[in-house]
Amino acid sequence: MTSMQRSKSRSAAGVCRSLFLVPALLAASLVAAVFTVPGPAQAQLQVDITRGFVEPLPIAITDLFGEVADEQKLGGDIARVVAANLERSGLFRPVDKRAFIQDASSLRNGPRYGDWRLINAQALVAGNVQMQADGRMRVQFRLWDVFSEAQMTGLQYTTTVTNWRNIAHRISDQIYQRLTGESGYFTTQIVYIAEQGPQNRRIKRLAIMDQDGENHRFLTAGNEIVLTPRFSPSTREITYLAFQRTGGREVPRVYLFNLDTGQQEVLGEFPGMTFAPRFSTDGNTVTLSMAKDGNSEVYAIDLRTRRQQRLTNHPGIDTSPSFSPDSSQIVFNSDRGGRPQLYVMNRDGSNVRRISRGKGNYFTPVWSPRGDLIAFTRQHAGEFYIGIMRADGSGERMLVRDYNVEAPTWAPNGRVLSYFRTTRADSQGRITSKIFTIDLTGFNERELVTPLDGSDPAWSPLIP
């Protein structure tokens, strides 16, 4: 799914200074600093992520050096998470550490490039960890192009020890961005519905985890049925749909949940809802569908004033709306043409046009954060698909096909999708539901392991 392109050209000056990237500050007292190391010609190692599968880039990731045992453990743990992140992307192949010739200690004086070329490493990651007098740790890392013998980037963090995993994800993002030219997606979380129990008494809880499945925790107790969580693009909030039993009937109620404080508030009770709302880019508006007047229509709600604006007015069922990244357009699902298809309209509901033209039924559209593609679920001839198309409906392509796959959600860089797959019932009537990821080429499908069955994933923006 990848191809590696190495430019043999050198900069005109022949000498350049290293590139350093400084991330945003973390709430948990993270301080990022630049350190400068001169290097030879500008490195040109690059990973092309737009083509089909070729061969992952061999990259050597050493344990970050530490003087004492605690530092050595942290250095090994950080390197392990970085290697796992990059390997899971499908674009990189971490070189087996048993092949390393140069050790972490001597790397402090710079790489012996010949040693790394001998084991066919094209890129090299190394650094160190040092505990500070105030109990915090200082983490440095460098990325080198082995064949050009040039440092590509360098970074230093000072933060609390408990923040080590977050640092590993941030280092992974920097490596991914430097080698692919695209933003990383490792400093993110996925919220989803955790399911357990028999089908007729299924317990569904809201749960959240890092994009690699770590730091898992439940957000609701399972006393109510929860569905379709959605992340705000601008704040640490999610919306989700819960069915509340009131007066002998179940009423759909939408909640806003603040992930930093754990507080939640009721956005409202909306009859006929089956999906939670989706946010606009600024986080101030949500769009949703509800059968307010007996027919499902698309509405927009201003979260500051709670004012509702009806956007569609058609006898057909209009549902599952999703904003474009600039919030100027909305894609939605409607059966106004006889069967469920995808339509796009302006934010105010004007200029409605159909964009899907394939056979079968189309559901759950969601706009890419890049704005170039729309992902969707398609059902045809007894099977389900996860597919993508351009915003005008052209370039339709299926990435996944199975008995039941649903609910795509985008990583914030718009290059990877997550979704869930449900199996057929076994001889005891048991059904399992698992979460997966896949890249836009349709290769590198990976299961995201969860403690319980999982459905309805939603990918967060990058965590600042």
Protein backbone atom coordinates (compact mmCIF):
# COMPACT_ATOMS: atom_id res chain seq x y z
CA MET A 1 0.00 0.00 0.00
CA THR A 2 3.00 2.30 0.13
CA SER A 3 5.88 3.15 -2.15
CA MET A 4 9.16 4.61 -1.00
CA GLN A 5 10.65 7.38 -3.03
CA ARG A 6 14.18 8.61 -2.43
CA SER A 7 15.35 11.75 -4.18
CA LYS A 8 19.07 11.83 -4.99
CA SER A 9 19.18 15.60 -5.31
CA ARG A 10 21.01 17.76 -2.78
CA SER A 11 20.30 21.32 -1.74
CA ALA A 12 22.23 23.99 -3.63
CA ALA A 13 24.03 25.17 -0.54
CA GLY A 14 24.99 21.62 0.39
CA VAL A 15 24.57 22.39 4.08
CA CYS A 16 21.42 23.00 6.08
CA ARG A 17 20.33 23.14 9.68
CA SER A 18 18.06 20.48 11.17
CA LEU A 19 14.30 20.94 11.15
CA PHE A 20 12.68 20.99 14.58
CA LEU A 21 8.98 20.75 15.30
CA VAL A 22 7.48 22.13 18.49
CA PRO A 23 4.06 20.75 19.50
CA ALA A 24 1.40 22.49 21.54
CA LEU A 25 1.61 22.44 25.31
CA LEU A 26 -0.16 19.67 27.14
CA ALA A 27 -2.46 20.38 30.06
CA ALA A 28 -0.43 17.91 32.14
CA SER A 29 2.50 20.37 32.45
CA LEU A 30 4.19 19.38 29.20
CA VAL A 31 6.89 21.76 28.01
CA ALA A 32 8.27 21.35 24.50
CA ALA A 33 11.61 22.83 23.53
CA VAL A 34 13.81 23.05 20.44
CA PHE A 35 17.33 21.71 20.45
CA THR A 36 19.68 22.33 17.54
CA VAL A 37 22.10 19.91 15.94
CA PRO A 38 23.73 20.79 12.61
CA GLY A 39 23.52 18.19 9.87
CA PRO A 40 24.57 17.59 6.29
CA ALA A 41 22.42 18.07 3.23
CA GLN A 42 18.64 18.23 3.55
CA ALA A 43 17.27 14.69 3.75
CA GLN A 44 14.83 13.65 1.03
CA LEU A 45 13.53 10.34 2.39
CA GLN A 46 9.77 10.26 1.81
CA VAL A 47 6.92 7.78 1.97
CA ASP A 48 4.27 7.97 -0.76
CA ILE A 49 0.97 7.12 0.96
CA THR A 50 -1.28 7.65 -2.07
CA ARG A 51 -0.54 4.41 -3.91
CA GLY A 52 -1.41 0.78 -3.37
CA PHE A 53 0.63 -1.66 -1.31
CA VAL A 54 4.33 -1.91 -2.17
CA GLU A 55 6.60 -2.37 0.85
CA PRO A 56 6.72 -0.68 4.27
CA LEU A 57 9.74 1.54 4.98
CA PRO A 58 12.36 -0.20 7.18
CA ILE A 59 12.91 2.03 10.20
CA ALA A 60 15.17 1.36 13.19
CA ILE A 61 13.70 2.57 16.50
CA THR A 62 16.14 2.27 19.38
CA ASP A 63 15.27 2.39 23.08
CA LEU A 64 15.76 5.94 24.30
CA PHE A 65 18.95 6.02 26.37
CA GLY A 66 18.78 6.39 30.14
CA GLU A 67 21.52 6.44 32.77
CA VAL A 68 19.54 4.67 35.51
CA ALA A 69 17.01 1.86 35.59
CA ASP A 70 13.90 4.06 35.76
CA GLU A 71 15.07 6.10 32.78
CA GLN A 72 15.95 2.96 30.84
CA LYS A 73 12.49 1.51 31.43
CA LEU A 74 10.80 4.71 30.29
CA GLY A 75 13.06 4.82 27.22
CA GLY A 76 12.17 1.26 26.31
CA ASP A 77 8.44 1.80 26.87
CA ILE A 78 8.36 4.95 24.72
CA ALA A 79 10.27 3.22 21.89
CA ARG A 80 7.92 0.23 22.05
CA VAL A 81 4.81 2.41 21.63
CA VAL A 82 6.39 4.43 18.81
CA ALA A 83 7.31 1.23 16.96
CA ALA A 84 3.81 -0.22 17.46
CA ASN A 85 2.15 2.96 16.18
CA LEU A 86 4.26 3.14 13.05
CA GLU A 87 3.97 -0.58 12.31
CA ARG A 88 0.19 -0.49 12.71
CA SER A 89 -0.04 2.30 10.12
CA GLY A 90 1.20 -0.20 7.54
CA LEU A 91 3.69 2.34 6.16
CA PHE A 92 6.68 1.34 8.28
CA ARG A 93 8.46 -1.87 9.24
CA PRO A 94 10.42 -1.53 12.50
CA VAL A 95 13.74 -3.37 12.18
CA ASP A 96 14.26 -6.18 14.71
CA LYS A 97 16.30 -4.77 17.61
CA ARG A 98 18.38 -7.93 17.71
CA ALA A 99 19.97 -6.82 14.42
CA PHE A 100 21.20 -3.50 15.82
CA ILE A 101 24.99 -3.02 15.74
CA GLN A 102 25.28 0.41 17.38
CA ASP A 103 23.86 0.71 20.90
CA ALA A 104 21.79 3.52 22.41
CA SER A 105 24.66 4.83 24.52
CA SER A 106 27.03 5.47 21.61
CA LEU A 107 24.19 7.00 19.57
CA ARG A 108 24.43 10.04 21.83
CA ASN A 109 27.51 10.94 19.80
CA GLY A 110 25.64 10.46 16.53
CA PRO A 111 24.84 7.51 14.28
CA ARG A 112 27.42 5.30 12.64
CA TYR A 113 25.44 5.31 9.40
CA GLY A 114 27.30 2.37 7.93
CA ASP A 115 26.13 0.16 10.79
CA TRP A 116 22.50 1.01 10.04
CA ARG A 117 22.88 0.58 6.29
CA LEU A 118 24.23 -2.91 6.93
CA ILE A 119 20.87 -3.92 8.44
CA ASN A 120 18.92 -2.14 5.65
CA ALA A 121 17.41 0.55 7.89
CA GLN A 122 16.40 3.55 5.80
CA ALA A 123 15.43 5.73 8.75
CA LEU A 124 16.68 5.79 12.34
CA VAL A 125 15.03 7.01 15.55
CA ALA A 126 17.04 7.48 18.76
CA GLY A 127 17.09 9.73 21.81
CA ASN A 128 17.33 9.81 25.58
CA VAL A 129 15.30 10.13 28.77
CA GLN A 130 16.50 12.01 31.83
CA MET A 131 14.75 12.48 35.18
CA GLN A 132 14.78 16.05 36.50
CA ALA A 133 15.20 17.24 40.07
CA ASP A 134 11.52 18.30 40.20
CA GLY A 135 10.38 14.74 39.37
CA ARG A 136 9.53 15.42 35.76
CA MET A 137 11.26 13.75 32.83
CA ARG A 138 13.00 15.25 29.82
CA VAL A 139 12.64 13.30 26.59
CA GLN A 140 14.64 13.98 23.44
CA PHE A 141 14.42 12.19 20.13
CA ARG A 142 15.98 12.54 16.69
CA LEU A 143 15.02 11.13 13.30
CA TRP A 144 17.76 10.50 10.73
CA ASP A 145 17.78 9.57 7.04
CA VAL A 146 20.37 6.79 7.04
CA PHE A 147 21.38 6.92 3.38
CA SER A 148 21.55 10.71 3.11
CA GLU A 149 23.24 10.80 6.53
CA ALA A 150 21.07 13.74 7.57
CA GLN A 151 19.01 14.52 10.64
CA MET A 152 15.42 15.10 9.57
CA THR A 153 13.92 16.41 12.80
CA GLY A 154 14.61 16.70 16.51
CA LEU A 155 12.39 17.35 19.50
CA GLN A 156 12.60 17.71 23.27
CA TYR A 157 9.79 17.44 25.84
CA THR A 158 9.68 18.06 29.56
CA THR A 159 6.63 16.61 31.28
CA THR A 160 5.38 14.40 34.09
CA VAL A 161 6.38 10.75 34.08
CA THR A 162 2.75 9.62 33.87
CA ASN A 163 2.55 11.37 30.51
CA TRP A 164 5.06 9.03 28.85
CA ARG A 165 2.54 7.31 26.58
CA ASN A 166 1.27 10.63 25.27
CA ILE A 167 4.88 11.60 24.49
CA ALA A 168 5.30 8.36 22.54
CA HIS A 169 2.22 9.18 20.46
CA ARG A 170 3.50 12.70 19.80
CA ILE A 171 6.87 11.39 18.68
CA SER A 172 5.04 8.96 16.38
CA ASP A 173 3.05 11.85 14.90
CA GLN A 174 6.20 13.82 14.20
CA ILE A 175 7.91 10.87 12.50
CA TYR A 176 4.81 10.08 10.44
CA GLN A 177 4.46 13.70 9.34
CA ARG A 178 8.13 14.14 8.49
CA LEU A 179 8.29 10.99 6.38
CA THR A 180 4.87 11.15 4.68
CA GLY A 181 4.14 14.88 4.49
CA GLU A 182 0.75 14.21 6.09
CA SER A 183 -0.38 14.95 9.65
CA GLY A 184 -0.13 12.08 12.10
CA TYR A 185 -3.11 10.64 13.93
CA PHE A 186 -1.59 8.84 16.92
CA THR A 187 -2.35 11.48 19.58
CA THR A 188 -6.06 10.74 19.32
CA GLN A 189 -8.82 8.78 21.02
CA ILE A 190 -11.74 6.69 19.83
CA VAL A 191 -15.07 6.71 21.61
CA TYR A 192 -17.38 3.78 20.91
CA ILE A 193 -20.25 1.65 22.21
CA ALA A 194 -19.12 -1.29 24.37
CA GLU A 195 -21.60 -4.18 24.19
CA GLN A 196 -22.11 -7.33 26.21
CA GLY A 197 -24.81 -9.87 27.00
CA PRO A 198 -27.39 -11.79 24.93
CA GLN A 199 -28.95 -10.02 21.99
CA ASN A 200 -32.34 -9.60 23.66
CA ARG A 201 -30.75 -8.04 26.78
CA ARG A 202 -27.75 -6.29 25.28
CA ILE A 203 -25.98 -3.87 27.63
CA LYS A 204 -24.50 -0.90 25.77
CA ARG A 205 -22.08 1.48 27.46
CA LEU A 206 -20.17 4.48 26.23
CA ALA A 207 -16.41 3.80 26.31
CA ILE A 208 -13.26 5.61 25.24
CA MET A 209 -9.65 4.58 24.54
CA ASP A 210 -6.50 5.80 22.86
CA GLN A 211 -6.30 5.04 19.13
CA ASP A 212 -4.13 2.00 19.93
CA GLY A 213 -6.66 0.56 22.39
CA GLU A 214 -4.79 1.60 25.55
CA ASN A 215 -6.08 3.75 28.44
CA HIS A 216 -9.52 2.21 28.06
CA ARG A 217 -12.34 3.40 30.31
CA PHE A 218 -16.13 3.32 30.45
CA LEU A 219 -18.02 6.61 30.49
CA THR A 220 -21.52 5.34 31.31
CA ALA A 221 -22.71 2.62 33.67
CA GLY A 222 -24.92 0.64 31.29
CA ASN A 223 -28.24 1.59 32.87
CA GLU A 224 -29.53 2.88 29.56
CA ILE A 225 -29.07 2.08 25.88
CA VAL A 226 -26.56 4.47 24.31
CA LEU A 227 -25.83 4.86 20.61
CA THR A 228 -23.73 6.72 18.04
CA PRO A 229 -21.27 8.95 19.93
CA ARG A 230 -19.79 11.90 18.02
CA PHE A 231 -16.76 14.06 18.81
CA SER A 232 -16.73 17.83 18.73
CA PRO A 233 -13.97 19.08 16.40
CA SER A 234 -13.19 22.09 18.60
CA THR A 235 -13.70 21.03 22.22
CA ARG A 236 -13.24 17.95 24.39
CA GLU A 237 -16.94 17.13 24.14
CA ILE A 238 -18.98 14.35 22.60
CA THR A 239 -22.65 13.93 21.86
CA TYR A 240 -24.42 10.62 22.14
CA LEU A 241 -27.94 9.29 21.93
CA ALA A 242 -29.57 7.52 24.89
CA PHE A 243 -33.02 5.99 25.20
CA GLN A 244 -34.69 7.03 28.45
CA ARG A 245 -37.70 5.11 29.72
CA THR A 246 -40.39 7.70 30.52
CA GLY A 247 -44.02 6.88 31.24
CA GLY A 248 -43.72 3.36 29.88
CA ARG A 249 -42.05 4.42 26.65
CA GLU A 250 -38.46 4.98 25.58
CA VAL A 251 -37.67 8.55 24.60
CA PRO A 252 -34.49 9.37 22.61
CA ARG A 253 -32.45 11.96 24.47
CA VAL A 254 -29.24 13.58 23.27
CA TYR A 255 -26.44 14.31 25.76
CA LEU A 256 -23.36 16.50 25.67
CA PHE A 257 -20.49 14.90 27.61
CA ASN A 258 -17.38 16.87 28.63
CA LEU A 259 -14.41 14.50 28.61
CA ASP A 260 -12.21 16.75 30.75
CA THR A 261 -14.69 17.29 33.58
CA GLY A 262 -16.91 14.22 33.23
CA GLN A 263 -19.97 16.47 33.34
CA GLN A 264 -22.87 15.94 30.99
CA GLU A 265 -25.94 17.90 30.05
CA VAL A 266 -29.09 17.11 28.12
CA LEU A 267 -29.19 18.75 24.72
CA GLY A 268 -32.82 17.78 24.29
CA GLU A 269 -35.40 15.07 23.67
CA PHE A 270 -35.96 14.47 19.99
CA PRO A 271 -38.70 12.08 18.80
CA GLY A 272 -37.86 9.74 15.98
CA MET A 273 -34.08 10.03 16.32
CA THR A 274 -31.82 7.07 15.56
CA PHE A 275 -28.44 8.83 15.30
CA ALA A 276 -26.71 11.36 17.54
CA PRO A 277 -26.05 14.82 16.08
CA ARG A 278 -22.84 15.78 14.30
CA PHE A 279 -20.96 18.98 15.06
CA SER A 280 -20.07 21.85 12.76
CA THR A 281 -16.37 22.69 12.48
CA ASP A 282 -16.52 25.44 15.12
CA GLY A 283 -18.43 23.20 17.52
CA ASN A 284 -21.24 25.73 17.94
CA THR A 285 -23.83 23.96 15.80
CA VAL A 286 -25.02 20.38 15.48
CA THR A 287 -27.06 18.85 12.69
CA LEU A 288 -29.45 15.96 13.29
CA SER A 289 -32.57 14.30 11.99
CA MET A 290 -35.83 13.91 13.88
CA ALA A 291 -39.46 13.13 13.15
CA LYS A 292 -40.75 16.28 14.79
CA ASP A 293 -43.85 16.51 12.59
CA GLY A 294 -44.25 12.81 11.84
CA ASN A 295 -41.65 12.67 9.08
CA SER A 296 -37.87 12.49 9.48
CA GLU A 297 -36.22 15.79 8.48
CA VAL A 298 -32.79 17.34 8.94
CA TYR A 299 -32.41 20.15 11.48
CA ALA A 300 -29.57 22.35 12.73
CA ILE A 301 -29.36 23.42 16.38
CA ASP A 302 -27.28 26.34 17.65
CA LEU A 303 -25.73 25.05 20.88
CA ARG A 304 -25.40 28.59 22.28
CA THR A 305 -29.08 29.52 21.92
CA ARG A 306 -30.69 26.05 21.40
CA ARG A 307 -32.47 27.55 18.39
CA GLN A 308 -33.64 24.92 15.89
CA GLN A 309 -33.61 25.43 12.13
CA ARG A 310 -35.33 22.99 9.79
CA LEU A 311 -33.18 22.32 6.72
CA THR A 312 -35.17 19.77 4.68
CA ASN A 313 -38.85 19.58 3.81
CA HIS A 314 -39.69 16.48 1.82
CA PRO A 315 -42.06 13.49 2.21
CA GLY A 316 -39.06 11.16 2.03
CA ILE A 317 -37.00 10.15 5.07
CA ASP A 318 -34.01 12.47 5.49
CA THR A 319 -31.43 11.36 8.06
CA SER A 320 -27.76 11.01 9.18
CA PRO A 321 -26.47 14.49 8.19
CA SER A 322 -22.77 15.39 8.35
CA PHE A 323 -21.10 18.80 7.90
CA SER A 324 -18.30 19.45 5.43
CA PRO A 325 -15.04 20.60 7.10
CA ASP A 326 -15.79 24.26 6.38
CA SER A 327 -19.42 23.76 7.54
CA SER A 328 -20.73 25.26 4.29
CA GLN A 329 -22.39 22.02 3.11
CA ILE A 330 -24.14 19.00 4.59
CA VAL A 331 -24.23 15.46 3.23
CA PHE A 332 -27.22 13.34 4.27
CA ASN A 333 -29.11 10.17 3.48
CA SER A 334 -32.59 10.23 1.94
CA ASP A 335 -35.00 7.83 0.28
CA ARG A 336 -36.73 10.66 -1.60
CA GLY A 337 -35.67 9.01 -4.86
CA GLY A 338 -37.24 5.65 -3.95
CA ARG A 339 -34.40 4.10 -1.94
CA PRO A 340 -31.72 5.43 0.41
CA GLN A 341 -29.12 7.48 -1.44
CA LEU A 342 -26.67 10.24 -0.56
CA TYR A 343 -27.45 13.92 -1.11
CA VAL A 344 -25.54 17.16 -0.51
CA MET A 345 -27.09 20.54 0.27
CA ASN A 346 -25.92 23.96 1.34
CA ARG A 347 -25.82 24.69 5.06
CA ASP A 348 -29.15 26.54 4.87
CA GLY A 349 -30.86 23.60 3.13
CA SER A 350 -30.74 25.01 -0.40
CA ASN A 351 -29.34 23.43 -3.58
CA VAL A 352 -30.05 19.78 -2.76
CA ARG A 353 -28.40 17.38 -5.20
CA ARG A 354 -27.95 13.62 -5.29
CA ILE A 355 -24.37 12.37 -5.41
CA SER A 356 -24.62 8.54 -5.14
CA ARG A 357 -25.53 6.57 -8.26
CA GLY A 358 -24.58 2.98 -7.55
CA LYS A 359 -26.82 -0.03 -7.02
CA GLY A 360 -28.14 -0.78 -3.57
CA ASN A 361 -28.75 1.46 -0.56
CA TYR A 362 -26.43 4.08 0.95
CA PHE A 363 -26.25 5.02 4.63
CA THR A 364 -24.22 6.86 7.32
CA PRO A 365 -22.26 9.36 5.20
CA VAL A 366 -19.46 11.27 6.93
CA TRP A 367 -17.31 13.98 5.40
CA SER A 368 -13.53 13.62 5.49
CA PRO A 369 -11.63 16.20 7.63
CA ARG A 370 -9.67 17.02 4.46
CA GLY A 371 -12.89 17.84 2.59
CA ASP A 372 -11.99 15.75 -0.44
CA LEU A 373 -13.98 12.57 0.26
CA ILE A 374 -17.16 11.26 1.83
CA ALA A 375 -17.19 7.83 3.47
CA PHE A 376 -20.40 5.78 3.68
CA THR A 377 -22.01 2.41 4.28
CA ARG A 378 -23.53 0.66 1.27
CA GLN A 379 -25.80 -2.37 1.16
CA HIS A 380 -26.21 -4.38 -2.03
CA ALA A 381 -27.05 -8.00 -2.90
CA GLY A 382 -27.07 -9.16 0.71
CA GLU A 383 -23.69 -7.67 1.66
CA PHE A 384 -22.45 -4.47 3.24
CA TYR A 385 -19.59 -2.25 2.11
CA ILE A 386 -17.54 0.62 3.51
CA GLY A 387 -16.84 2.96 0.63
CA ILE A 388 -15.63 6.43 -0.29
CA MET A 389 -16.48 8.91 -3.02
CA ARG A 390 -15.64 12.49 -3.89
CA ALA A 391 -18.02 15.22 -2.74
CA ASP A 392 -19.60 15.36 -6.21
CA GLY A 393 -20.19 11.58 -6.23
CA SER A 394 -17.36 10.72 -8.60
CA GLY A 395 -14.59 8.23 -7.89
CA GLU A 396 -16.72 5.85 -5.84
CA ARG A 397 -14.62 3.01 -4.44
CA MET A 398 -15.34 0.18 -2.00
CA LEU A 399 -12.74 -0.48 0.71
CA VAL A 400 -14.39 -3.26 2.73
CA ARG A 401 -17.02 -5.90 1.96
CA ASP A 402 -18.58 -8.31 4.45
CA TYR A 403 -21.76 -9.71 5.89
CA ASN A 404 -22.25 -6.55 7.96
CA VAL A 405 -19.86 -3.58 8.18
CA GLU A 406 -21.11 -0.17 9.22
CA ALA A 407 -20.52 3.36 10.50
CA PRO A 408 -17.24 4.68 9.08
CA THR A 409 -15.42 7.41 10.99
CA TRP A 410 -12.34 9.36 9.88
CA ALA A 411 -8.98 9.77 11.56
CA PRO A 412 -8.21 13.51 11.76
CA ASN A 413 -5.68 13.35 8.91
CA GLY A 414 -8.32 11.96 6.53
CA ARG A 415 -6.14 8.98 5.55
CA VAL A 416 -7.50 6.23 7.80
CA LEU A 417 -11.04 5.04 8.58
CA SER A 418 -12.48 3.11 11.50
CA TYR A 419 -15.73 1.12 11.40
CA PHE A 420 -17.30 -1.93 13.01
CA ARG A 421 -18.03 -5.42 11.74
CA THR A 422 -20.82 -7.69 13.02
CA THR A 423 -20.68 -11.46 12.49
CA ARG A 424 -23.47 -13.84 11.62
CA ALA A 425 -25.09 -15.60 14.55
CA ASP A 426 -23.37 -18.86 15.50
CA SER A 427 -25.14 -22.13 16.44
CA GLN A 428 -25.96 -20.69 19.89
CA GLY A 429 -27.28 -17.45 18.41
CA ARG A 430 -24.25 -15.44 19.52
CA ILE A 431 -23.23 -12.40 17.49
CA THR A 432 -19.95 -10.53 17.88
CA SER A 433 -19.17 -6.96 16.98
CA LYS A 434 -15.59 -5.72 16.53
CA ILE A 435 -13.94 -2.43 15.57
CA PHE A 436 -11.45 -2.19 12.70
CA THR A 437 -9.34 0.38 10.89
CA ILE A 438 -8.29 0.55 7.26
CA ASP A 439 -6.44 3.08 5.10
CA LEU A 440 -7.75 4.76 1.97
CA THR A 441 -6.00 2.34 -0.37
CA GLY A 442 -8.16 -0.50 1.00
CA PHE A 443 -5.11 -2.26 2.47
CA ASN A 444 -3.87 -2.68 6.02
CA GLU A 445 -7.11 -3.63 7.74
CA ARG A 446 -6.46 -4.02 11.49
CA GLU A 447 -8.70 -5.02 14.36
CA LEU A 448 -8.75 -2.58 17.25
CA VAL A 449 -8.96 -4.92 20.22
CA THR A 450 -11.48 -3.93 22.91
CA PRO A 451 -12.37 -5.58 26.25
CA LEU A 452 -15.96 -6.18 25.10
CA ASP A 453 -17.73 -6.17 21.77
CA GLY A 454 -17.56 -2.75 20.12
CA SER A 455 -19.65 -0.75 17.67
CA ASP A 456 -20.24 2.82 16.44
CA PRO A 457 -16.68 4.15 16.74
CA ALA A 458 -15.99 7.89 16.50
CA TRP A 459 -12.46 9.23 16.05
CA SER A 460 -11.35 12.32 17.95
CA PRO A 461 -9.41 15.28 16.56
CA LEU A 462 -5.75 15.51 17.55
CA ILE A 463 -5.51 16.11 21.28
CA PRO A 464 -3.80 19.48 21.94
